[in-house]
Amino acid sequence: MTVTENVALTEAANQSGIVKDAIVEVVGKEFTLPSGKRAVMRKGKGKDIVRASRALGTEASNPMALVLAVAAQKCTIEGQPVTYEDLLEFDDEDCWALIGRAQKGKELLSQQTTSPNSEPKDT
């Protein structure tokens, strides 16, 4: 499925009010960045992290760069794929919004898991 088809499917589902979790996982849910640009960020996979790390090379040890590169792997802006280098030129407010979305899954996971020495968390 192309990016254009993904965006069209998301828009059609949003308009009909039948957005299903499966559609959101594959296509992603559209949101608006502070600049007004439309963005879609799909659910990530391990390969997104590996690709982002490869794209960064030696800079992959910088956690903020890695999160931004993962965001680039997972999102489209105005229906077009973006690169890490593209995102470096975005306004910082847009970058923070994308970083927040990219880390959302990581935060949810950390809330559901516990270390061996800790008490289980209520969910």
Protein backbone atom coordinates (compact mmCIF):
# COMPACT_ATOMS: atom_id res chain seq x y z
CA MET A 1 0.00 0.00 0.00
CA THR A 2 1.41 3.38 -0.95
CA VAL A 3 1.66 6.40 1.33
CA THR A 4 -1.13 8.10 -0.64
CA GLU A 5 -3.35 5.04 -0.26
CA ASN A 6 -2.55 4.94 3.49
CA VAL A 7 -3.54 8.57 3.93
CA ALA A 8 -6.69 8.13 1.82
CA LEU A 9 -7.72 5.05 3.84
CA THR A 10 -7.14 6.90 7.12
CA GLU A 11 -9.13 9.92 5.95
CA ALA A 12 -12.01 7.75 4.73
CA ALA A 13 -12.07 5.81 8.02
CA ASN A 14 -11.94 9.03 10.05
CA GLN A 15 -14.80 10.58 8.06
CA SER A 16 -17.00 7.50 8.41
CA GLY A 17 -16.25 7.23 12.13
CA ILE A 18 -15.16 3.59 11.92
CA VAL A 19 -11.48 3.84 12.71
CA LYS A 20 -10.54 0.39 13.96
CA ASP A 21 -7.46 -0.39 16.03
CA ALA A 22 -6.09 -2.56 13.22
CA ILE A 23 -6.30 0.30 10.71
CA VAL A 24 -4.59 2.67 13.12
CA GLU A 25 -1.80 0.13 13.76
CA VAL A 26 -1.03 -0.35 10.07
CA VAL A 27 -1.81 3.07 8.66
CA GLY A 28 -1.48 5.30 11.69
CA LYS A 29 -3.71 8.02 12.98
CA GLU A 30 -3.52 11.48 11.49
CA PHE A 31 -2.68 14.39 13.76
CA THR A 32 -1.73 18.01 13.23
CA LEU A 33 1.69 19.36 14.13
CA PRO A 34 2.01 22.79 15.79
CA SER A 35 2.99 24.23 12.39
CA GLY A 36 -0.34 23.05 10.95
CA LYS A 37 1.21 20.25 8.86
CA ARG A 38 -0.68 16.96 8.77
CA ALA A 39 1.24 13.95 10.03
CA VAL A 40 0.56 10.23 10.26
CA MET A 41 2.66 8.00 12.50
CA ARG A 42 2.14 4.28 12.23
CA LYS A 43 2.84 1.70 14.91
CA GLY A 44 6.55 0.94 14.92
CA LYS A 45 8.46 -2.26 14.54
CA GLY A 46 11.92 -3.35 15.57
CA LYS A 47 13.14 -2.87 12.02
CA ASP A 48 12.34 0.85 12.33
CA ILE A 49 14.77 1.12 15.24
CA VAL A 50 17.47 -0.80 13.34
CA ARG A 51 17.02 1.30 10.19
CA ALA A 52 17.12 4.51 12.22
CA SER A 53 20.29 3.38 13.97
CA ARG A 54 21.94 2.50 10.66
CA ALA A 55 20.96 5.85 9.17
CA LEU A 56 22.58 7.66 12.09
CA GLY A 57 25.84 5.71 12.08
CA THR A 58 28.07 6.98 14.90
CA GLU A 59 25.39 9.48 15.95
CA ALA A 60 23.13 6.55 17.01
CA SER A 61 24.54 6.81 20.55
CA ASN A 62 22.68 10.14 20.89
CA PRO A 63 19.26 9.13 22.32
CA MET A 64 17.47 12.25 21.06
CA ALA A 65 18.81 11.73 17.54
CA LEU A 66 17.76 8.09 17.63
CA VAL A 67 14.20 8.92 18.69
CA LEU A 68 13.91 11.55 15.96
CA ALA A 69 15.30 9.09 13.38
CA VAL A 70 12.78 6.46 14.51
CA ALA A 71 10.01 9.05 14.14
CA ALA A 72 11.19 9.66 10.57
CA GLN A 73 10.98 5.92 9.87
CA LYS A 74 7.41 5.72 11.16
CA CYS A 75 5.74 8.87 9.87
CA THR A 76 4.62 10.79 6.85
CA ILE A 77 4.14 14.55 6.72
CA GLU A 78 1.53 15.94 4.34
CA GLY A 79 1.31 12.44 2.83
CA GLN A 80 5.04 12.23 2.04
CA PRO A 81 7.71 10.13 3.74
CA VAL A 82 10.41 12.09 5.57
CA THR A 83 14.01 11.44 6.49
CA TYR A 84 15.93 12.20 9.65
CA GLU A 85 17.70 14.98 7.75
CA ASP A 86 14.31 16.45 6.78
CA LEU A 87 13.24 16.51 10.42
CA LEU A 88 16.43 18.31 11.45
CA GLU A 89 15.16 21.30 9.45
CA PHE A 90 11.65 21.27 11.02
CA ASP A 91 10.64 23.80 13.68
CA ASP A 92 11.52 22.53 17.14
CA GLU A 93 7.84 22.47 18.17
CA ASP A 94 7.08 20.02 15.38
CA CYS A 95 10.10 17.92 16.33
CA TRP A 96 8.99 17.76 19.97
CA ALA A 97 5.51 16.70 18.87
CA LEU A 98 6.96 13.92 16.70
CA ILE A 99 9.34 12.81 19.44
CA GLY A 100 6.42 12.63 21.86
CA ARG A 101 4.43 10.47 19.46
CA ALA A 102 7.42 8.24 18.70
CA GLN A 103 8.10 7.64 22.38
CA LYS A 104 4.48 7.01 23.31
CA GLY A 105 4.75 3.28 22.65
CA LYS A 106 7.96 3.04 24.65
CA GLU A 107 6.35 4.81 27.62
CA LEU A 108 3.28 2.59 27.51
CA LEU A 109 5.49 -0.49 27.48
CA SER A 110 7.57 0.72 30.43
CA GLN A 111 4.38 1.35 32.42
CA GLN A 112 3.25 -2.24 31.85
CA THR A 113 6.53 -3.93 32.72
CA THR A 114 8.32 -4.12 36.02
CA SER A 115 11.86 -4.89 37.06
CA PRO A 116 12.47 -8.14 38.98
CA ASN A 117 12.92 -6.21 42.27
CA SER A 118 9.85 -4.01 42.01
CA GLU A 119 6.22 -4.41 42.90
CA PRO A 120 3.77 -4.83 40.01
CA LYS A 121 2.17 -1.58 38.89
CA ASP A 122 -1.58 -1.14 38.85
CA THR A 123 -2.89 -0.58 35.32
